[in-house]
Protein backbone atom coordinates (compact mmCIF):
# COMPACT_ATOMS: atom_id res chain seq x y z
CA MET A 1 -13.15 -8.32 11.57
CA PRO A 2 -9.31 -8.05 12.21
CA ALA A 3 -8.08 -5.30 9.86
CA VAL A 4 -10.81 -3.29 11.37
CA LYS A 5 -9.37 -3.98 14.80
CA THR A 6 -6.31 -3.12 13.53
CA VAL A 7 -6.86 -0.09 12.32
CA LEU A 8 -8.36 1.17 15.34
CA THR A 9 -5.75 -0.03 17.26
CA LEU A 10 -2.56 1.28 15.28
CA GLN A 11 -4.89 5.11 15.33
CA GLN A 12 -3.99 5.06 19.14
CA TYR A 13 -0.31 5.65 18.02
CA ALA A 14 -0.38 7.37 14.97
CA LYS A 15 -2.02 10.58 13.31
CA ARG A 16 -1.34 9.16 9.66
CA LEU A 17 -1.91 5.59 8.01
CA VAL A 18 -2.60 4.08 5.47
CA ILE A 19 -4.13 0.63 4.57
CA VAL A 20 -2.11 -2.00 2.43
CA ILE A 21 -4.85 -4.29 0.85
CA ASN A 22 -2.11 -6.88 -0.30
CA ASN A 23 -1.29 -11.03 -0.51
CA THR A 24 -5.44 -11.03 -0.46
CA GLU A 25 -7.45 -13.11 -2.89
CA ALA A 26 -8.86 -10.95 -5.46
CA ALA A 27 -11.86 -12.06 -4.98
CA PHE A 28 -12.17 -10.63 -1.57
CA VAL A 29 -10.84 -7.73 -1.89
CA PRO A 30 -13.86 -5.56 -2.77
CA ASP A 31 -16.12 -6.19 0.08
CA LEU A 32 -12.55 -5.84 2.53
CA LYS A 33 -12.19 -2.86 0.01
CA THR A 34 -16.17 -1.15 1.29
CA VAL A 35 -16.07 -2.00 4.93
CA LEU A 36 -12.55 -0.68 5.73
CA ASN A 37 -13.67 2.70 3.14
CA GLU A 38 -17.11 3.06 5.58
CA ARG A 39 -15.71 2.72 8.60
CA PHE A 40 -11.68 4.71 8.00
CA PRO A 41 -13.06 6.83 4.95
CA GLU A 42 -10.32 9.51 5.64
CA VAL A 43 -7.72 6.29 5.18
CA PRO A 44 -5.93 6.10 2.44
CA ILE A 45 -6.42 2.79 0.90
CA PHE A 46 -4.65 1.19 -1.56
CA VAL A 47 -4.94 -3.04 -3.08
CA VAL A 48 -1.02 -4.65 -3.85
CA ASN A 49 -1.95 -7.62 -5.99
CA ARG A 50 -1.86 -11.30 -4.53
CA SER A 51 1.54 -11.87 -6.60
CA ARG A 52 3.79 -14.66 -6.49
CA TYR A 53 6.67 -13.17 -6.98
CA ILE A 54 6.89 -10.92 -4.17
CA ALA A 55 7.07 -14.23 -2.21
CA LYS A 56 9.89 -14.77 -4.32
CA LEU A 57 12.11 -11.45 -3.62
CA ALA A 58 14.43 -12.58 -0.78
CA ASP A 59 15.26 -15.51 -3.41
CA GLU A 60 15.55 -13.77 -6.06
CA GLY A 61 18.12 -10.79 -4.39
CA MET A 62 16.04 -7.95 -6.58
CA THR A 63 13.22 -5.64 -6.29
CA LEU A 64 10.01 -5.85 -7.99
CA PHE A 65 10.89 -2.60 -9.85
CA ASP A 66 14.50 -4.80 -10.97
CA LEU A 67 12.27 -7.36 -12.38
CA PHE A 68 9.69 -5.62 -14.16
CA THR A 69 13.11 -4.30 -15.24
CA LEU A 70 14.34 -7.54 -16.86
CA GLY A 71 11.00 -7.85 -19.38
CA GLY A 72 9.77 -10.99 -20.90
CA LEU A 73 7.46 -12.63 -18.13
CA HIS A 74 8.77 -10.63 -15.45
CA ALA A 75 7.34 -7.02 -16.90
CA PHE A 76 3.88 -9.26 -17.46
CA ALA A 77 3.34 -10.99 -14.43
CA LEU A 78 3.80 -7.87 -12.74
CA ARG A 79 2.56 -5.70 -15.09
CA HIS A 80 -0.16 -4.74 -12.64
CA VAL A 81 1.45 -4.56 -8.78
CA ILE A 82 4.54 -2.46 -10.44
CA PRO A 83 1.23 0.37 -10.81
CA GLN A 84 0.12 -0.02 -7.55
CA ILE A 85 3.11 0.19 -5.95
CA LYS A 86 4.04 3.35 -7.66
CA ALA A 87 0.92 4.22 -6.56
CA LEU A 88 0.94 3.93 -3.05
CA TYR A 89 4.99 4.76 -2.92
CA ALA A 90 3.46 8.10 -4.62
CA HIS A 91 1.31 8.24 -1.38
CA LEU A 92 3.94 7.51 0.91
CA ASP A 93 6.38 10.44 -0.82
CA ALA A 94 4.06 13.55 -0.78
CA CYS A 95 3.43 12.79 3.12
CA GLU A 96 6.73 12.41 3.35
CA ALA A 97 7.60 16.34 1.79
CA GLU A 98 4.16 17.42 3.40
CA SER A 99 5.48 16.39 6.92
CA LEU A 100 8.92 18.31 5.76
CA SER A 101 7.48 21.40 4.44
CA PRO A 102 8.59 24.20 6.94
CA ASN A 103 4.98 25.87 6.19
CA GLN A 104 2.97 23.46 8.58
CA SER A 105 2.65 23.99 11.80
CA THR A 106 2.89 21.68 14.19
CA HIS A 107 -0.57 22.81 16.00
CA ALA A 108 -2.69 21.75 12.72
CA ARG A 109 -1.65 17.80 13.21
C-alpha cells in the first residue's frame, strides 16, 4: 500500500506526522483508515472528503472558507469539508503551540 510506504519513509525525517486522507473515493476511506490506524496508532489521521471545490480553488482565487462564507450552494457543498479542515487546522495549531511552549524540554522529543 503506497500510503504505508510513504509514512514509513517520512518517519525517518520527521518526529511528528499527521496523515490526511483526501481526494479518495468515499467507499475506500474506512478500510484505508483502518489499515493506517492499525499500522500507525500513534499518528493522527484526518479525512477531508473529496470535493470538486478543492480542485476549483485556483480558478476561483478564493479559499474554501471564502467560498463557504458566500453561502448558498457553496456553503451547502462544503458543509462536510469545512468542519474536517477546521479539525485538521486545530490539530496543527495545537502542535505548533506545543512546540513553541517554553516549558517543553527539547530532550523529551
